[in-house]
Amino acid sequence: MATIVRQIGTIARALDSIANVEFKQHQLARGQYLYLVRIAEHPGIIAEQLSKMLKVDRATVSRAIAKLVQCGLVDRQTAPDNQKVKHLYVTELGAQQAVFIQRENAYSEQIARQGLSATESQQLTQLLARVVENISADWDRVKAGEHRQY
């Protein structure tokens, strides 16, 4: 039986696999493109905000950021009022890479919506937004230490 979670997972894995193949030529390792684009879209974002946005733990974000910094795609800038807070910005090279990634994303979006009417496309967007809200709320509870009751 195909469930919505399985279908979303299949879509996510397929797009991730495609991206890993296509972004390899740009020296972007597995999943780094997600972080790079979000930093480009939100200049000055901090790791904790990025963690919540992408629904991954802070250790995973820290590793990805360290690799992006090492590759010269992202800069960390210390907040003037708090030395512990590091704001993230894409470098010029990072901005160039982000544009390429955004073009790939737009293409994938076009492919995903193929054969859907404008109304169906709008409905799908609205329904998926609701699913994201549901899962995000669950993610927040689990990250706060709650256990789900199956």
C-alpha atoms as a PDB file:
ATOM      1  CA  MET A   1       0.000   0.000   0.000  1.00  0.00           C
ATOM      2  CA  ALA A   2       1.452   3.345  -1.045  1.00  0.00           C
ATOM      3  CA  THR A   3       1.219   5.866   1.752  1.00  0.00           C
ATOM      4  CA  ILE A   4       1.769   9.610   1.551  1.00  0.00           C
ATOM      5  CA  VAL A   5       4.906   9.329   3.711  1.00  0.00           C
ATOM      6  CA  ARG A   6       6.363   6.679   1.369  1.00  0.00           C
ATOM      7  CA  GLN A   7       5.500   8.721  -1.693  1.00  0.00           C
ATOM      8  CA  ILE A   8       7.072  11.864  -0.243  1.00  0.00           C
ATOM      9  CA  GLY A   9      10.117   9.802   0.750  1.00  0.00           C
ATOM     10  CA  THR A  10      10.421   8.410  -2.770  1.00  0.00           C
ATOM     11  CA  ILE A  11      10.273  11.902  -4.230  1.00  0.00           C
ATOM     12  CA  ALA A  12      12.836  13.200  -1.745  1.00  0.00           C
ATOM     13  CA  ARG A  13      15.268  10.328  -2.335  1.00  0.00           C
ATOM     14  CA  ALA A  14      14.962  10.582  -6.128  1.00  0.00           C
ATOM     15  CA  LEU A  15      15.596  14.332  -6.124  1.00  0.00           C
ATOM     16  CA  ASP A  16      18.475  13.932  -3.676  1.00  0.00           C
ATOM     17  CA  SER A  17      20.065  11.260  -5.877  1.00  0.00           C
ATOM     18  CA  ILE A  18      19.697  13.424  -8.972  1.00  0.00           C
ATOM     19  CA  ALA A  19      21.174  16.427  -7.163  1.00  0.00           C
ATOM     20  CA  ASN A  20      24.118  14.410  -5.863  1.00  0.00           C
ATOM     21  CA  VAL A  21      24.988  13.366  -9.424  1.00  0.00           C
ATOM     22  CA  GLU A  22      24.497  16.812 -10.967  1.00  0.00           C
ATOM     23  CA  PHE A  23      26.156  18.820  -8.186  1.00  0.00           C
ATOM     24  CA  LYS A  24      29.225  16.588  -7.964  1.00  0.00           C
ATOM     25  CA  GLN A  25      30.821  18.563 -10.792  1.00  0.00           C
ATOM     26  CA  HIS A  26      30.458  21.656  -8.598  1.00  0.00           C
ATOM     27  CA  GLN A  27      32.280  20.010  -5.668  1.00  0.00           C
ATOM     28  CA  LEU A  28      29.117  19.937  -3.556  1.00  0.00           C
ATOM     29  CA  ALA A  29      29.032  16.843  -1.397  1.00  0.00           C
ATOM     30  CA  ARG A  30      25.902  15.021  -0.345  1.00  0.00           C
ATOM     31  CA  GLY A  31      23.224  17.417   0.842  1.00  0.00           C
ATOM     32  CA  GLN A  32      25.442  20.510   1.034  1.00  0.00           C
ATOM     33  CA  TYR A  33      23.377  22.214  -1.644  1.00  0.00           C
ATOM     34  CA  LEU A  34      20.423  22.454   0.769  1.00  0.00           C
ATOM     35  CA  TYR A  35      22.453  24.428   3.271  1.00  0.00           C
ATOM     36  CA  LEU A  36      24.111  26.636   0.671  1.00  0.00           C
ATOM     37  CA  VAL A  37      20.826  27.727  -0.906  1.00  0.00           C
ATOM     38  CA  ARG A  38      19.138  28.422   2.437  1.00  0.00           C
ATOM     39  CA  ILE A  39      22.106  30.552   3.526  1.00  0.00           C
ATOM     40  CA  ALA A  40      21.960  32.409   0.202  1.00  0.00           C
ATOM     41  CA  GLU A  41      18.219  32.992   0.678  1.00  0.00           C
ATOM     42  CA  HIS A  42      18.683  34.112   4.305  1.00  0.00           C
ATOM     43  CA  PRO A  43      21.951  36.064   4.578  1.00  0.00           C
ATOM     44  CA  GLY A  44      23.111  36.292   8.181  1.00  0.00           C
ATOM     45  CA  ILE A  45      21.173  33.235   9.325  1.00  0.00           C
ATOM     46  CA  ILE A  46      22.653  31.362  12.285  1.00  0.00           C
ATOM     47  CA  ALA A  47      23.142  27.602  12.547  1.00  0.00           C
ATOM     48  CA  GLU A  48      20.279  27.099  15.002  1.00  0.00           C
ATOM     49  CA  GLN A  49      17.802  28.785  12.650  1.00  0.00           C
ATOM     50  CA  LEU A  50      19.126  26.703   9.765  1.00  0.00           C
ATOM     51  CA  SER A  51      18.680  23.552  11.851  1.00  0.00           C
ATOM     52  CA  LYS A  52      15.033  24.354  12.523  1.00  0.00           C
ATOM     53  CA  MET A  53      14.379  25.372   8.932  1.00  0.00           C
ATOM     54  CA  LEU A  54      15.794  22.150   7.478  1.00  0.00           C
ATOM     55  CA  LYS A  55      14.578  19.892  10.309  1.00  0.00           C
ATOM     56  CA  VAL A  56      18.008  18.437  11.060  1.00  0.00           C
ATOM     57  CA  ASP A  57      20.022  18.388  14.266  1.00  0.00           C
ATOM     58  CA  ARG A  58      22.591  21.083  14.992  1.00  0.00           C
ATOM     59  CA  ALA A  59      25.539  18.686  14.745  1.00  0.00           C
ATOM     60  CA  THR A  60      24.578  17.874  11.156  1.00  0.00           C
ATOM     61  CA  VAL A  61      24.280  21.588  10.361  1.00  0.00           C
ATOM     62  CA  SER A  62      27.663  22.285  11.972  1.00  0.00           C
ATOM     63  CA  ARG A  63      29.381  19.614   9.869  1.00  0.00           C
ATOM     64  CA  ALA A  64      27.775  20.877   6.664  1.00  0.00           C
ATOM     65  CA  ILE A  65      28.692  24.485   7.430  1.00  0.00           C
ATOM     66  CA  ALA A  66      32.289  23.521   8.236  1.00  0.00           C
ATOM     67  CA  LYS A  67      32.588  21.811   4.835  1.00  0.00           C
ATOM     68  CA  LEU A  68      31.038  24.789   3.032  1.00  0.00           C
ATOM     69  CA  VAL A  69      33.453  27.148   4.796  1.00  0.00           C
ATOM     70  CA  GLN A  70      36.375  24.858   3.945  1.00  0.00           C
ATOM     71  CA  CYS A  71      35.306  24.878   0.260  1.00  0.00           C
ATOM     72  CA  GLY A  72      35.134  28.680   0.245  1.00  0.00           C
ATOM     73  CA  LEU A  73      31.373  28.771  -0.344  1.00  0.00           C
ATOM     74  CA  VAL A  74      30.276  30.221   3.003  1.00  0.00           C
ATOM     75  CA  ASP A  75      31.753  32.700   5.498  1.00  0.00           C
ATOM     76  CA  ARG A  76      31.068  32.822   9.222  1.00  0.00           C
ATOM     77  CA  GLN A  77      30.932  36.276  10.774  1.00  0.00           C
ATOM     78  CA  THR A  78      30.894  36.759  14.526  1.00  0.00           C
ATOM     79  CA  ALA A  79      28.053  38.868  15.891  1.00  0.00           C
ATOM     80  CA  PRO A  80      29.409  42.108  17.355  1.00  0.00           C
ATOM     81  CA  ASP A  81      27.347  41.760  20.536  1.00  0.00           C
ATOM     82  CA  ASN A  82      27.915  38.024  21.146  1.00  0.00           C
ATOM     83  CA  GLN A  83      31.141  36.227  20.208  1.00  0.00           C
ATOM     84  CA  LYS A  84      29.408  32.826  20.306  1.00  0.00           C
ATOM     85  CA  VAL A  85      26.911  33.723  17.577  1.00  0.00           C
ATOM     86  CA  LYS A  86      28.159  33.179  14.024  1.00  0.00           C
ATOM     87  CA  HIS A  87      26.152  34.630  11.159  1.00  0.00           C
ATOM     88  CA  LEU A  88      26.430  32.807   7.844  1.00  0.00           C
ATOM     89  CA  TYR A  89      26.859  34.380   4.434  1.00  0.00           C
ATOM     90  CA  VAL A  90      27.633  32.933   1.026  1.00  0.00           C
ATOM     91  CA  THR A  91      30.859  33.977  -0.633  1.00  0.00           C
ATOM     92  CA  GLU A  92      30.977  35.130  -4.250  1.00  0.00           C
ATOM     93  CA  LEU A  93      31.708  31.541  -5.288  1.00  0.00           C
ATOM     94  CA  GLY A  94      28.894  30.323  -3.047  1.00  0.00           C
ATOM     95  CA  ALA A  95      26.470  32.782  -4.643  1.00  0.00           C
ATOM     96  CA  GLN A  96      27.404  31.477  -8.106  1.00  0.00           C
ATOM     97  CA  GLN A  97      26.815  27.910  -6.967  1.00  0.00           C
ATOM     98  CA  ALA A  98      23.497  28.873  -5.344  1.00  0.00           C
ATOM     99  CA  VAL A  99      22.238  30.295  -8.653  1.00  0.00           C
ATOM    100  CA  PHE A 100      23.001  26.996 -10.380  1.00  0.00           C
ATOM    101  CA  ILE A 101      21.245  25.053  -7.601  1.00  0.00           C
ATOM    102  CA  GLN A 102      18.198  27.325  -7.791  1.00  0.00           C
ATOM    103  CA  ARG A 103      17.997  26.724 -11.558  1.00  0.00           C
ATOM    104  CA  GLU A 104      18.074  22.970 -10.919  1.00  0.00           C
ATOM    105  CA  ASN A 105      15.364  23.379  -8.297  1.00  0.00           C
ATOM    106  CA  ALA A 106      13.149  25.331 -10.702  1.00  0.00           C
ATOM    107  CA  TYR A 107      13.633  22.600 -13.320  1.00  0.00           C
ATOM    108  CA  SER A 108      12.769  19.864 -10.811  1.00  0.00           C
ATOM    109  CA  GLU A 109       9.695  21.847  -9.769  1.00  0.00           C
ATOM    110  CA  GLN A 110       8.612  22.052 -13.413  1.00  0.00           C
ATOM    111  CA  ILE A 111       9.073  18.309 -13.871  1.00  0.00           C
ATOM    112  CA  ALA A 112       7.177  17.557 -10.644  1.00  0.00           C
ATOM    113  CA  ARG A 113       4.191  19.629 -11.766  1.00  0.00           C
ATOM    114  CA  GLN A 114       4.028  18.174 -15.278  1.00  0.00           C
ATOM    115  CA  GLY A 115       0.510  17.153 -16.230  1.00  0.00           C
ATOM    116  CA  LEU A 116      -1.119  19.030 -13.356  1.00  0.00           C
ATOM    117  CA  SER A 117      -3.605  21.784 -14.060  1.00  0.00           C
ATOM    118  CA  ALA A 118      -3.061  25.165 -12.418  1.00  0.00           C
ATOM    119  CA  THR A 119      -5.795  24.317  -9.920  1.00  0.00           C
ATOM    120  CA  GLU A 120      -4.291  20.892  -9.127  1.00  0.00           C
ATOM    121  CA  SER A 121      -0.865  22.450  -8.747  1.00  0.00           C
ATOM    122  CA  GLN A 122      -2.211  25.060  -6.327  1.00  0.00           C
ATOM    123  CA  GLN A 123      -4.123  22.405  -4.360  1.00  0.00           C
ATOM    124  CA  LEU A 124      -1.048  20.200  -4.148  1.00  0.00           C
ATOM    125  CA  THR A 125       1.010  23.107  -2.833  1.00  0.00           C
ATOM    126  CA  GLN A 126      -1.616  23.887  -0.199  1.00  0.00           C
ATOM    127  CA  LEU A 127      -1.994  20.269   0.872  1.00  0.00           C
ATOM    128  CA  LEU A 128       1.743  19.715   1.110  1.00  0.00           C
ATOM    129  CA  ALA A 129       2.074  22.910   3.174  1.00  0.00           C
ATOM    130  CA  ARG A 130      -0.426  21.434   5.623  1.00  0.00           C
ATOM    131  CA  VAL A 131       1.530  18.155   5.732  1.00  0.00           C
ATOM    132  CA  VAL A 132       4.714  20.126   6.417  1.00  0.00           C
ATOM    133  CA  GLU A 133       2.976  21.917   9.300  1.00  0.00           C
ATOM    134  CA  ASN A 134       1.835  18.598  10.781  1.00  0.00           C
ATOM    135  CA  ILE A 135       5.240  16.951  10.497  1.00  0.00           C
ATOM    136  CA  SER A 136       7.052  20.084  11.709  1.00  0.00           C
ATOM    137  CA  ALA A 137       4.948  20.216  14.847  1.00  0.00           C
ATOM    138  CA  ASP A 138       5.695  16.541  15.474  1.00  0.00           C
ATOM    139  CA  TRP A 139       9.415  17.133  14.827  1.00  0.00           C
ATOM    140  CA  ASP A 140       9.424  20.013  17.335  1.00  0.00           C
ATOM    141  CA  ARG A 141       7.811  17.825  20.005  1.00  0.00           C
ATOM    142  CA  VAL A 142      10.232  14.941  19.441  1.00  0.00           C
ATOM    143  CA  LYS A 143      13.242  17.292  19.446  1.00  0.00           C
ATOM    144  CA  ALA A 144      11.955  18.692  22.757  1.00  0.00           C
ATOM    145  CA  GLY A 145      12.129  15.185  24.246  1.00  0.00           C
ATOM    146  CA  GLU A 146       8.562  13.968  23.863  1.00  0.00           C
ATOM    147  CA  HIS A 147       7.897  10.443  22.669  1.00  0.00           C
ATOM    148  CA  ARG A 148       5.229   9.747  20.117  1.00  0.00           C
ATOM    149  CA  GLN A 149       2.492   7.268  20.991  1.00  0.00           C
ATOM    150  CA  TYR A 150       2.082   4.727  18.183  1.00  0.00           C
END
